[in-house]
Amino acid sequence: MSNFARSQDKRTYVYLLTPKGVAEKTAMTLRFIKRKQNEYEALKLEIDLLRAEVEESGA
C-alpha cells in the first residue's frame, strides 16, 4: 500500500477488466482452487496413513 500512496501517477494501478478478462480470471481461479483441493486431499491421505501407522505400532 505504501507504493500506491507514494505514487505520483495512480493510473498505473488501474486496469480495465473486460468480459474476456473476467472469464480468464475465473478460469484461473478455478484451476487454482482445484489444485489446492488436490493438494489438501493428498496431504489428508498422507496424514491418515501416518496416523494409522503410528496406531499400529502402539505408540
Protein backbone atom coordinates (compact mmCIF):
# COMPACT_ATOMS: atom_id res chain seq x y z
CA MET A 1 0.00 0.00 0.00
CA SER A 2 2.83 2.43 0.63
CA ASN A 3 3.88 2.25 -3.03
CA PHE A 4 0.38 3.29 -4.04
CA ALA A 5 0.34 6.13 -1.54
CA ARG A 6 3.69 7.46 -2.78
CA SER A 7 2.90 7.03 -6.47
CA GLN A 8 2.67 10.22 -8.49
CA ASP A 9 0.59 8.50 -11.20
CA LYS A 10 -2.20 6.42 -9.69
CA ARG A 11 -3.44 5.50 -13.18
CA THR A 12 -0.75 2.81 -13.35
CA TYR A 13 -2.75 0.89 -10.73
CA VAL A 14 -5.98 0.99 -12.74
CA TYR A 15 -6.85 -1.57 -15.39
CA LEU A 16 -9.88 -2.41 -17.43
CA LEU A 17 -11.35 -5.84 -16.82
CA THR A 18 -13.12 -6.95 -19.95
CA PRO A 19 -15.63 -9.81 -20.15
CA LYS A 20 -12.84 -11.94 -21.63
CA GLY A 21 -10.57 -10.91 -18.76
CA VAL A 22 -13.24 -11.84 -16.21
CA ALA A 23 -13.63 -15.24 -17.87
CA GLU A 24 -9.86 -15.80 -17.85
CA LYS A 25 -9.54 -14.76 -14.21
CA THR A 26 -12.44 -17.03 -13.29
CA ALA A 27 -10.88 -19.99 -15.10
CA MET A 28 -7.52 -19.28 -13.49
CA THR A 29 -9.12 -19.08 -10.05
CA LEU A 30 -10.97 -22.35 -10.58
CA ARG A 31 -7.75 -24.08 -11.63
CA PHE A 32 -6.02 -22.71 -8.54
CA ILE A 33 -8.80 -23.90 -6.23
CA LYS A 34 -8.84 -27.36 -7.85
CA ARG A 35 -5.05 -27.65 -7.48
CA LYS A 36 -5.24 -26.66 -3.81
CA GLN A 37 -8.10 -29.12 -3.21
CA ASN A 38 -5.98 -31.89 -4.72
CA GLU A 39 -3.03 -30.91 -2.55
CA TYR A 40 -5.29 -30.91 0.50
CA GLU A 41 -6.68 -34.35 -0.29
CA ALA A 42 -3.18 -35.76 -0.84
CA LEU A 43 -1.95 -34.32 2.46
CA LYS A 44 -5.05 -35.53 4.29
CA LEU A 45 -4.50 -39.05 2.94
CA GLU A 46 -0.83 -38.97 3.93
CA ILE A 47 -1.70 -37.81 7.45
CA ASP A 48 -4.35 -40.52 7.78
CA LEU A 49 -1.84 -43.17 6.67
CA LEU A 50 0.77 -41.89 9.10
CA ARG A 51 -1.74 -41.88 11.96
CA ALA A 52 -2.73 -45.46 11.16
CA GLU A 53 0.93 -46.44 11.09
CA VAL A 54 1.52 -44.87 14.50
CA GLU A 55 -1.56 -46.56 15.94
CA GLU A 56 -0.42 -49.94 14.57
CA SER A 57 2.99 -49.55 16.18
CA GLY A 58 1.32 -48.90 19.53
CA ALA A 59 2.97 -45.55 20.08
